[in-house]
Amino acid sequence: MAEQFLTLMADYCEEDQERILKWYNAVREAGFTGTQTHPLPMHISLASFPLEKEADAVEMTRRIAAEYGPVQVDLRHAGILPGGRVLVAAPDLTSGLVALQAACGQRVVNGYPWLPHTTMLIDEPEIIGRAVPVLMKHFVPIRARIDRLHLCAFWPTREILRLELTGNR
């Protein structure tokens, strides 16, 4: 399958990657494999772009990474996105997270209004329903830190750019 779009992601720091991966791995070890983008780092998608906008997306990613510093988020929610096909851990909205996403200039990401979340499983609704108790058994709210941006093209996955958040905003 040829690449179809670009996505700008906010990646969690390495320590929080490990904590969030425990939830993800518990779901996988219970037999739920899904179609999510593992082994990409755990992240929150911030923006999406058509393939022909790659140069603009790279420039924007560089600008945002230089302007904004790391962002704290409280991952306090687990649930299912509308449509029933995506099991997630989700943060509270904070001014820092909203500002980071607003810097992208988009309210719609991959065709849907932006809703910050970290995907644990993508599958059919019936399977997601069976995976919920597994995630809930392991899910514990955490304060996490987003410390870098990550731009990729999808399907297949092509990593384009990964930058630390180094700014003061």
N, C-alpha and C. Protein backbone atom coordinates (compact mmCIF):
# COMPACT_ATOMS: atom_id res chain seq x y z
N MET A 1 0.84 -1.18 0.00
CA MET A 1 0.00 0.00 0.00
C MET A 1 0.89 1.25 0.00
N ALA A 2 0.56 2.22 -0.80
CA ALA A 2 1.34 3.45 -0.89
C ALA A 2 1.02 4.37 0.28
N GLU A 3 1.99 5.20 0.64
CA GLU A 3 1.78 6.17 1.70
C GLU A 3 0.55 7.02 1.38
N GLN A 4 -0.18 7.41 2.44
CA GLN A 4 -1.42 8.14 2.24
C GLN A 4 -1.46 9.50 2.93
N PHE A 5 -0.74 9.68 4.05
CA PHE A 5 -0.80 10.93 4.79
C PHE A 5 0.37 11.03 5.75
N LEU A 6 0.56 12.22 6.32
CA LEU A 6 1.59 12.47 7.32
C LEU A 6 0.89 12.76 8.65
N THR A 7 1.55 12.40 9.74
CA THR A 7 1.04 12.72 11.07
C THR A 7 2.16 13.26 11.94
N LEU A 8 1.86 14.34 12.65
CA LEU A 8 2.78 14.90 13.63
C LEU A 8 2.34 14.42 15.01
N MET A 9 3.26 13.79 15.73
CA MET A 9 2.95 13.19 17.02
C MET A 9 3.78 13.83 18.12
N ALA A 10 3.21 13.88 19.31
CA ALA A 10 3.91 14.33 20.51
C ALA A 10 4.26 13.07 21.30
N ASP A 11 5.56 12.77 21.40
CA ASP A 11 6.02 11.54 22.06
C ASP A 11 6.28 11.79 23.54
N TYR A 12 5.97 10.79 24.34
CA TYR A 12 6.28 10.83 25.77
C TYR A 12 7.77 10.59 26.00
N CYS A 13 8.29 11.07 27.12
CA CYS A 13 9.68 10.84 27.49
C CYS A 13 9.91 9.34 27.68
N GLU A 14 11.17 8.95 27.70
CA GLU A 14 11.52 7.52 27.78
C GLU A 14 10.95 6.85 29.04
N GLU A 15 11.03 7.50 30.17
CA GLU A 15 10.51 6.92 31.41
C GLU A 15 9.01 6.65 31.29
N ASP A 16 8.29 7.60 30.71
CA ASP A 16 6.84 7.43 30.58
C ASP A 16 6.49 6.45 29.46
N GLN A 17 7.36 6.34 28.45
CA GLN A 17 7.16 5.30 27.43
C GLN A 17 7.04 3.94 28.11
N GLU A 18 7.96 3.68 29.03
CA GLU A 18 7.96 2.39 29.73
C GLU A 18 6.70 2.18 30.55
N ARG A 19 6.24 3.23 31.23
CA ARG A 19 5.03 3.09 32.06
C ARG A 19 3.79 2.85 31.21
N ILE A 20 3.68 3.58 30.11
CA ILE A 20 2.52 3.43 29.23
C ILE A 20 2.57 2.11 28.48
N LEU A 21 3.77 1.68 28.10
CA LEU A 21 3.91 0.38 27.42
C LEU A 21 3.46 -0.78 28.29
N LYS A 22 3.51 -0.64 29.59
CA LYS A 22 3.00 -1.71 30.47
C LYS A 22 1.51 -1.94 30.21
N TRP A 23 0.75 -0.88 30.02
CA TRP A 23 -0.68 -1.03 29.73
C TRP A 23 -0.86 -1.69 28.36
N TYR A 24 -0.13 -1.17 27.38
CA TYR A 24 -0.21 -1.68 26.02
C TYR A 24 0.18 -3.16 25.98
N ASN A 25 1.29 -3.50 26.64
CA ASN A 25 1.75 -4.89 26.64
C ASN A 25 0.79 -5.82 27.35
N ALA A 26 0.12 -5.35 28.39
CA ALA A 26 -0.87 -6.19 29.07
C ALA A 26 -1.99 -6.57 28.12
N VAL A 27 -2.42 -5.62 27.31
CA VAL A 27 -3.47 -5.89 26.32
C VAL A 27 -2.97 -6.89 25.28
N ARG A 28 -1.75 -6.69 24.79
CA ARG A 28 -1.19 -7.61 23.79
C ARG A 28 -0.98 -9.02 24.37
N GLU A 29 -0.47 -9.08 25.60
CA GLU A 29 -0.22 -10.39 26.22
C GLU A 29 -1.51 -11.15 26.47
N ALA A 30 -2.63 -10.44 26.54
CA ALA A 30 -3.94 -11.09 26.70
C ALA A 30 -4.48 -11.58 25.35
N GLY A 31 -3.70 -11.37 24.28
CA GLY A 31 -4.09 -11.89 22.97
C GLY A 31 -4.70 -10.89 22.02
N PHE A 32 -4.75 -9.62 22.40
CA PHE A 32 -5.32 -8.59 21.53
C PHE A 32 -4.19 -7.91 20.76
N THR A 33 -4.17 -8.08 19.44
CA THR A 33 -3.07 -7.54 18.66
C THR A 33 -3.43 -6.30 17.86
N GLY A 34 -4.62 -6.23 17.28
CA GLY A 34 -5.08 -5.05 16.58
C GLY A 34 -4.22 -4.61 15.42
N THR A 35 -4.47 -3.37 14.97
CA THR A 35 -3.78 -2.83 13.80
C THR A 35 -3.09 -1.49 14.09
N GLN A 36 -2.83 -1.18 15.35
CA GLN A 36 -2.21 0.08 15.71
C GLN A 36 -0.77 0.15 15.24
N THR A 37 -0.11 1.28 15.44
CA THR A 37 1.18 1.56 14.82
C THR A 37 2.39 1.13 15.63
N HIS A 38 2.27 0.21 16.57
CA HIS A 38 3.43 -0.28 17.31
C HIS A 38 4.43 -0.85 16.30
N PRO A 39 5.67 -0.60 16.37
CA PRO A 39 6.46 -0.17 17.52
C PRO A 39 6.78 1.33 17.58
N LEU A 40 5.98 2.18 16.95
CA LEU A 40 6.20 3.61 17.14
C LEU A 40 6.11 3.94 18.63
N PRO A 41 6.78 4.99 19.06
CA PRO A 41 6.68 5.38 20.47
C PRO A 41 5.24 5.73 20.84
N MET A 42 4.91 5.57 22.10
CA MET A 42 3.61 5.99 22.60
C MET A 42 3.53 7.50 22.43
N HIS A 43 2.37 7.99 21.95
CA HIS A 43 2.28 9.39 21.56
C HIS A 43 0.83 9.88 21.58
N ILE A 44 0.69 11.18 21.38
CA ILE A 44 -0.58 11.83 21.11
C ILE A 44 -0.45 12.47 19.74
N SER A 45 -1.32 12.14 18.81
CA SER A 45 -1.29 12.77 17.48
C SER A 45 -1.75 14.22 17.60
N LEU A 46 -1.00 15.12 16.95
CA LEU A 46 -1.30 16.55 17.02
C LEU A 46 -1.87 17.10 15.72
N ALA A 47 -1.44 16.58 14.58
CA ALA A 47 -1.85 17.13 13.29
C ALA A 47 -1.65 16.09 12.20
N SER A 48 -2.35 16.28 11.09
CA SER A 48 -2.16 15.42 9.93
C SER A 48 -2.09 16.30 8.68
N PHE A 49 -1.41 15.78 7.65
CA PHE A 49 -1.15 16.55 6.44
C PHE A 49 -1.21 15.62 5.23
N PRO A 50 -1.57 16.17 4.07
CA PRO A 50 -1.44 15.37 2.85
C PRO A 50 0.05 15.20 2.52
N LEU A 51 0.36 14.15 1.80
CA LEU A 51 1.76 13.83 1.48
C LEU A 51 2.48 14.97 0.79
N GLU A 52 1.79 15.70 -0.06
CA GLU A 52 2.45 16.77 -0.81
C GLU A 52 2.83 17.97 0.07
N LYS A 53 2.43 17.96 1.34
CA LYS A 53 2.77 19.03 2.28
C LYS A 53 3.94 18.64 3.19
N GLU A 54 4.73 17.65 2.80
CA GLU A 54 5.81 17.17 3.66
C GLU A 54 6.80 18.29 4.01
N ALA A 55 7.22 19.09 3.05
CA ALA A 55 8.18 20.16 3.34
C ALA A 55 7.60 21.16 4.33
N ASP A 56 6.31 21.49 4.18
CA ASP A 56 5.65 22.40 5.12
C ASP A 56 5.55 21.77 6.51
N ALA A 57 5.24 20.48 6.56
CA ALA A 57 5.12 19.79 7.84
C ALA A 57 6.47 19.74 8.55
N VAL A 58 7.55 19.50 7.81
CA VAL A 58 8.89 19.48 8.40
C VAL A 58 9.23 20.85 8.96
N GLU A 59 8.96 21.89 8.20
CA GLU A 59 9.25 23.26 8.66
C GLU A 59 8.44 23.60 9.91
N MET A 60 7.15 23.25 9.93
CA MET A 60 6.32 23.51 11.09
C MET A 60 6.81 22.73 12.31
N THR A 61 7.19 21.48 12.11
CA THR A 61 7.69 20.66 13.22
C THR A 61 8.94 21.28 13.81
N ARG A 62 9.84 21.73 12.98
CA ARG A 62 11.06 22.38 13.46
C ARG A 62 10.74 23.66 14.25
N ARG A 63 9.80 24.45 13.74
CA ARG A 63 9.42 25.69 14.42
C ARG A 63 8.80 25.41 15.79
N ILE A 64 7.87 24.48 15.84
CA ILE A 64 7.19 24.17 17.11
C ILE A 64 8.17 23.60 18.12
N ALA A 65 9.05 22.71 17.67
CA ALA A 65 10.04 22.11 18.59
C ALA A 65 10.96 23.18 19.17
N ALA A 66 11.29 24.20 18.38
CA ALA A 66 12.16 25.27 18.85
C ALA A 66 11.43 26.25 19.76
N GLU A 67 10.12 26.40 19.60
CA GLU A 67 9.34 27.35 20.40
C GLU A 67 8.85 26.77 21.72
N TYR A 68 8.48 25.50 21.74
CA TYR A 68 7.81 24.91 22.90
C TYR A 68 8.74 23.99 23.67
N GLY A 69 8.59 24.02 24.97
CA GLY A 69 9.32 23.10 25.84
C GLY A 69 8.46 21.89 26.16
N PRO A 70 8.99 20.96 26.96
CA PRO A 70 8.23 19.77 27.35
C PRO A 70 6.90 20.14 28.01
N VAL A 71 5.94 19.27 27.84
CA VAL A 71 4.57 19.48 28.33
C VAL A 71 4.19 18.35 29.28
N GLN A 72 3.68 18.73 30.44
CA GLN A 72 3.17 17.73 31.39
C GLN A 72 1.71 17.43 31.06
N VAL A 73 1.35 16.15 31.12
CA VAL A 73 -0.05 15.74 30.93
C VAL A 73 -0.40 14.72 32.00
N ASP A 74 -1.64 14.75 32.42
CA ASP A 74 -2.15 13.76 33.36
C ASP A 74 -3.00 12.77 32.59
N LEU A 75 -2.46 11.57 32.38
CA LEU A 75 -3.23 10.49 31.75
C LEU A 75 -4.12 9.89 32.83
N ARG A 76 -5.38 10.33 32.85
CA ARG A 76 -6.28 9.91 33.92
C ARG A 76 -7.51 9.18 33.42
N HIS A 77 -7.60 8.95 32.11
CA HIS A 77 -8.80 8.37 31.55
C HIS A 77 -8.44 7.20 30.64
N ALA A 78 -9.28 6.19 30.65
CA ALA A 78 -9.17 5.09 29.69
C ALA A 78 -10.57 4.87 29.14
N GLY A 79 -10.64 4.56 27.87
CA GLY A 79 -11.97 4.39 27.28
C GLY A 79 -11.90 4.04 25.82
N ILE A 80 -13.03 4.24 25.16
CA ILE A 80 -13.21 3.86 23.77
C ILE A 80 -13.63 5.11 22.98
N LEU A 81 -12.99 5.33 21.84
CA LEU A 81 -13.35 6.47 21.01
C LEU A 81 -14.67 6.19 20.29
N PRO A 82 -15.37 7.25 19.87
CA PRO A 82 -16.61 7.06 19.11
C PRO A 82 -16.37 6.12 17.92
N GLY A 83 -17.32 5.26 17.68
CA GLY A 83 -17.20 4.24 16.64
C GLY A 83 -16.82 2.89 17.20
N GLY A 84 -16.27 2.88 18.44
CA GLY A 84 -16.01 1.64 19.14
C GLY A 84 -14.81 0.84 18.68
N ARG A 85 -13.95 1.40 17.80
CA ARG A 85 -12.83 0.63 17.25
C ARG A 85 -11.48 0.96 17.87
N VAL A 86 -11.42 1.95 18.80
CA VAL A 86 -10.14 2.38 19.33
C VAL A 86 -10.20 2.47 20.86
N LEU A 87 -9.35 1.67 21.52
CA LEU A 87 -9.21 1.68 22.97
C LEU A 87 -8.05 2.61 23.31
N VAL A 88 -8.27 3.54 24.25
CA VAL A 88 -7.27 4.59 24.49
C VAL A 88 -7.03 4.84 25.97
N ALA A 89 -5.89 5.49 26.23
CA ALA A 89 -5.62 6.19 27.47
C ALA A 89 -5.61 7.66 27.07
N ALA A 90 -6.26 8.50 27.86
CA ALA A 90 -6.40 9.90 27.45
C ALA A 90 -6.02 10.85 28.58
N PRO A 91 -5.42 11.98 28.20
CA PRO A 91 -5.04 12.97 29.20
C PRO A 91 -6.15 13.98 29.45
N ASP A 92 -6.07 14.64 30.61
CA ASP A 92 -6.86 15.84 30.82
C ASP A 92 -6.34 16.89 29.84
N LEU A 93 -7.21 17.78 29.43
CA LEU A 93 -6.75 18.91 28.62
C LEU A 93 -6.07 19.92 29.53
N THR A 94 -4.87 20.31 29.15
CA THR A 94 -4.14 21.33 29.89
C THR A 94 -3.80 22.45 28.92
N SER A 95 -3.50 23.61 29.45
CA SER A 95 -3.16 24.73 28.58
C SER A 95 -1.91 24.42 27.76
N GLY A 96 -0.93 23.72 28.34
CA GLY A 96 0.28 23.37 27.60
C GLY A 96 0.00 22.44 26.43
N LEU A 97 -0.81 21.43 26.65
CA LEU A 97 -1.14 20.48 25.58
C LEU A 97 -1.96 21.17 24.50
N VAL A 98 -2.93 21.97 24.90
CA VAL A 98 -3.76 22.68 23.94
C VAL A 98 -2.91 23.65 23.12
N ALA A 99 -1.99 24.36 23.77
CA ALA A 99 -1.12 25.30 23.05
C ALA A 99 -0.24 24.57 22.04
N LEU A 100 0.30 23.41 22.42
CA LEU A 100 1.15 22.63 21.52
C LEU A 100 0.36 22.21 20.28
N GLN A 101 -0.85 21.74 20.49
CA GLN A 101 -1.66 21.31 19.36
C GLN A 101 -2.13 22.52 18.54
N ALA A 102 -2.48 23.61 19.20
CA ALA A 102 -2.94 24.81 18.48
C ALA A 102 -1.83 25.38 17.60
N ALA A 103 -0.58 25.20 17.99
CA ALA A 103 0.55 25.68 17.19
C ALA A 103 0.58 24.99 15.82
N CYS A 104 -0.07 23.86 15.71
CA CYS A 104 -0.14 23.13 14.44
C CYS A 104 -1.16 23.76 13.49
N GLY A 105 -2.05 24.59 14.03
CA GLY A 105 -3.04 25.26 13.19
C GLY A 105 -4.15 24.38 12.69
N GLN A 106 -4.42 23.28 13.38
CA GLN A 106 -5.47 22.36 12.94
C GLN A 106 -6.42 22.04 14.08
N ARG A 107 -7.68 21.96 13.76
CA ARG A 107 -8.66 21.47 14.73
C ARG A 107 -9.13 20.08 14.36
N VAL A 108 -8.80 19.67 13.14
CA VAL A 108 -9.18 18.35 12.63
C VAL A 108 -7.90 17.57 12.36
N VAL A 109 -7.83 16.35 12.89
CA VAL A 109 -6.67 15.49 12.71
C VAL A 109 -7.14 14.16 12.14
N ASN A 110 -6.57 13.78 11.01
CA ASN A 110 -6.96 12.54 10.33
C ASN A 110 -8.47 12.46 10.12
N GLY A 111 -9.08 13.60 9.81
CA GLY A 111 -10.50 13.63 9.46
C GLY A 111 -11.46 13.78 10.63
N TYR A 112 -10.96 13.89 11.86
CA TYR A 112 -11.82 13.99 13.04
C TYR A 112 -11.41 15.19 13.89
N PRO A 113 -12.37 15.79 14.60
CA PRO A 113 -11.97 16.86 15.53
C PRO A 113 -10.92 16.31 16.50
N TRP A 114 -9.89 17.13 16.79
CA TRP A 114 -8.80 16.67 17.64
C TRP A 114 -9.30 16.26 19.01
N LEU A 115 -8.94 15.08 19.42
CA LEU A 115 -9.26 14.53 20.74
C LEU A 115 -7.98 13.85 21.22
N PRO A 116 -7.27 14.45 22.18
CA PRO A 116 -5.98 13.87 22.58
C PRO A 116 -6.15 12.50 23.22
N HIS A 117 -5.34 11.57 22.75
CA HIS A 117 -5.39 10.21 23.29
C HIS A 117 -4.13 9.45 22.87
N THR A 118 -3.88 8.38 23.58
CA THR A 118 -2.81 7.45 23.24
C THR A 118 -3.47 6.10 22.97
N THR A 119 -3.29 5.60 21.79
CA THR A 119 -3.97 4.37 21.36
C THR A 119 -3.36 3.14 22.04
N MET A 120 -4.24 2.31 22.57
CA MET A 120 -3.84 1.04 23.15
C MET A 120 -4.17 -0.13 22.22
N LEU A 121 -5.27 0.02 21.44
CA LEU A 121 -5.69 -1.06 20.56
C LEU A 121 -6.66 -0.50 19.52
N ILE A 122 -6.48 -0.93 18.27
CA ILE A 122 -7.44 -0.65 17.20
C ILE A 122 -7.92 -1.99 16.68
N ASP A 123 -9.24 -2.20 16.72
CA ASP A 123 -9.80 -3.47 16.26
C ASP A 123 -11.31 -3.29 16.10
N GLU A 124 -12.00 -4.38 15.85
CA GLU A 124 -13.45 -4.34 15.72
C GLU A 124 -14.08 -4.07 17.10
N PRO A 125 -15.26 -3.42 17.12
CA PRO A 125 -15.89 -3.07 18.41
C PRO A 125 -16.06 -4.25 19.37
N GLU A 126 -16.37 -5.42 18.86
CA GLU A 126 -16.57 -6.58 19.74
C GLU A 126 -15.27 -6.95 20.44
N ILE A 127 -14.17 -6.86 19.73
CA ILE A 127 -12.87 -7.19 20.31
C ILE A 127 -12.45 -6.10 21.30
N ILE A 128 -12.67 -4.85 20.94
CA ILE A 128 -12.37 -3.74 21.85
C ILE A 128 -13.14 -3.94 23.15
N GLY A 129 -14.39 -4.31 23.05
CA GLY A 129 -15.21 -4.54 24.25
C GLY A 129 -14.62 -5.61 25.17
N ARG A 130 -14.03 -6.64 24.58
CA ARG A 130 -13.41 -7.69 25.39
C ARG A 130 -12.06 -7.25 25.96
N ALA A 131 -11.40 -6.27 25.31
CA ALA A 131 -10.10 -5.81 25.79
C ALA A 131 -10.20 -4.78 26.91
N VAL A 132 -11.34 -4.12 27.04
CA VAL A 132 -11.50 -3.07 28.06
C VAL A 132 -11.14 -3.57 29.46
N PRO A 133 -11.68 -4.70 29.93
CA PRO A 133 -11.34 -5.15 31.28
C PRO A 133 -9.85 -5.41 31.48
N VAL A 134 -9.17 -5.85 30.44
CA VAL A 134 -7.73 -6.10 30.55
C VAL A 134 -7.00 -4.79 30.79
N LEU A 135 -7.30 -3.79 29.98
CA LEU A 135 -6.66 -2.49 30.17
C LEU A 135 -6.99 -1.93 31.55
N MET A 136 -8.23 -2.00 31.94
CA MET A 136 -8.65 -1.42 33.22
C MET A 136 -7.98 -2.10 34.42
N LYS A 137 -7.65 -3.37 34.28
CA LYS A 137 -6.96 -4.08 35.36
C LYS A 137 -5.56 -3.50 35.60
N HIS A 138 -4.94 -2.94 34.56
CA HIS A 138 -3.56 -2.46 34.64
C HIS A 138 -3.43 -0.94 34.64
N PHE A 139 -4.48 -0.25 34.22
CA PHE A 139 -4.42 1.20 34.08
C PHE A 139 -4.42 1.89 35.44
N VAL A 140 -3.44 2.75 35.63
CA VAL A 140 -3.33 3.60 36.81
C VAL A 140 -3.03 5.01 36.31
N PRO A 141 -3.80 6.01 36.68
CA PRO A 141 -3.51 7.35 36.21
C PRO A 141 -2.07 7.76 36.54
N ILE A 142 -1.45 8.47 35.59
CA ILE A 142 -0.08 8.92 35.79
C ILE A 142 0.08 10.36 35.27
N ARG A 143 1.04 11.05 35.82
CA ARG A 143 1.51 12.32 35.23
C ARG A 143 2.65 11.94 34.31
N ALA A 144 2.55 12.38 33.07
CA ALA A 144 3.54 12.03 32.06
C ALA A 144 4.09 13.31 31.43
N ARG A 145 5.20 13.15 30.72
CA ARG A 145 5.86 14.29 30.10
C ARG A 145 6.07 14.03 28.62
N ILE A 146 5.61 14.96 27.81
CA ILE A 146 5.85 14.94 26.38
C ILE A 146 7.11 15.76 26.15
N ASP A 147 8.13 15.16 25.51
CA ASP A 147 9.39 15.89 25.37
C ASP A 147 9.92 15.97 23.94
N ARG A 148 9.17 15.43 22.97
CA ARG A 148 9.65 15.53 21.59
C ARG A 148 8.49 15.44 20.61
N LEU A 149 8.76 15.87 19.40
CA LEU A 149 7.82 15.75 18.28
C LEU A 149 8.36 14.74 17.30
N HIS A 150 7.45 14.11 16.58
CA HIS A 150 7.80 12.99 15.73
C HIS A 150 6.89 13.06 14.50
N LEU A 151 7.46 13.22 13.32
CA LEU A 151 6.70 13.30 12.08
C LEU A 151 6.89 12.02 11.29
N CYS A 152 5.78 11.42 10.88
CA CYS A 152 5.82 10.16 10.12
C CYS A 152 4.83 10.20 8.96
N ALA A 153 5.12 9.40 7.94
CA ALA A 153 4.17 9.12 6.87
C ALA A 153 3.57 7.74 7.16
N PHE A 154 2.32 7.56 6.74
CA PHE A 154 1.66 6.28 6.98
C PHE A 154 1.08 5.70 5.72
N TRP A 155 0.99 4.60 5.72
CA TRP A 155 1.09 3.20 5.54
C TRP A 155 1.89 2.95 4.28
N PRO A 156 2.97 2.28 4.32
CA PRO A 156 3.62 1.82 5.55
C PRO A 156 4.20 3.01 6.32
N THR A 157 4.68 2.75 7.51
CA THR A 157 5.23 3.81 8.35
C THR A 157 6.62 4.21 7.86
N ARG A 158 6.79 5.52 7.66
CA ARG A 158 8.10 6.08 7.30
C ARG A 158 8.38 7.22 8.28
N GLU A 159 9.41 7.05 9.09
CA GLU A 159 9.78 8.11 10.03
C GLU A 159 10.54 9.19 9.27
N ILE A 160 10.11 10.44 9.45
CA ILE A 160 10.68 11.56 8.73
C ILE A 160 11.57 12.40 9.63
N LEU A 161 11.10 12.69 10.84
CA LEU A 161 11.80 13.64 11.69
C LEU A 161 11.41 13.39 13.15
N ARG A 162 12.38 13.51 14.04
CA ARG A 162 12.13 13.40 15.48
C ARG A 162 12.96 14.50 16.15
N LEU A 163 12.30 15.41 16.87
CA LEU A 163 12.97 16.55 17.48
C LEU A 163 12.55 16.73 18.93
N GLU A 164 13.51 17.06 19.79
CA GLU A 164 13.22 17.39 21.18
C GLU A 164 12.52 18.75 21.26
N LEU A 165 11.62 18.90 22.22
CA LEU A 165 11.00 20.19 22.49
C LEU A 165 11.99 21.00 23.31
N THR A 166 12.51 22.10 22.75
CA THR A 166 13.59 22.84 23.40
C THR A 166 13.26 24.29 23.70
N GLY A 167 12.06 24.74 23.38
CA GLY A 167 11.70 26.15 23.55
C GLY A 167 11.29 26.51 24.97
N ASN A 168 10.80 27.73 25.11
CA ASN A 168 10.43 28.26 26.42
C ASN A 168 8.92 28.41 26.61
N ARG A 169 8.13 28.15 25.61
CA ARG A 169 6.68 28.32 25.73
C ARG A 169 6.05 27.12 26.37
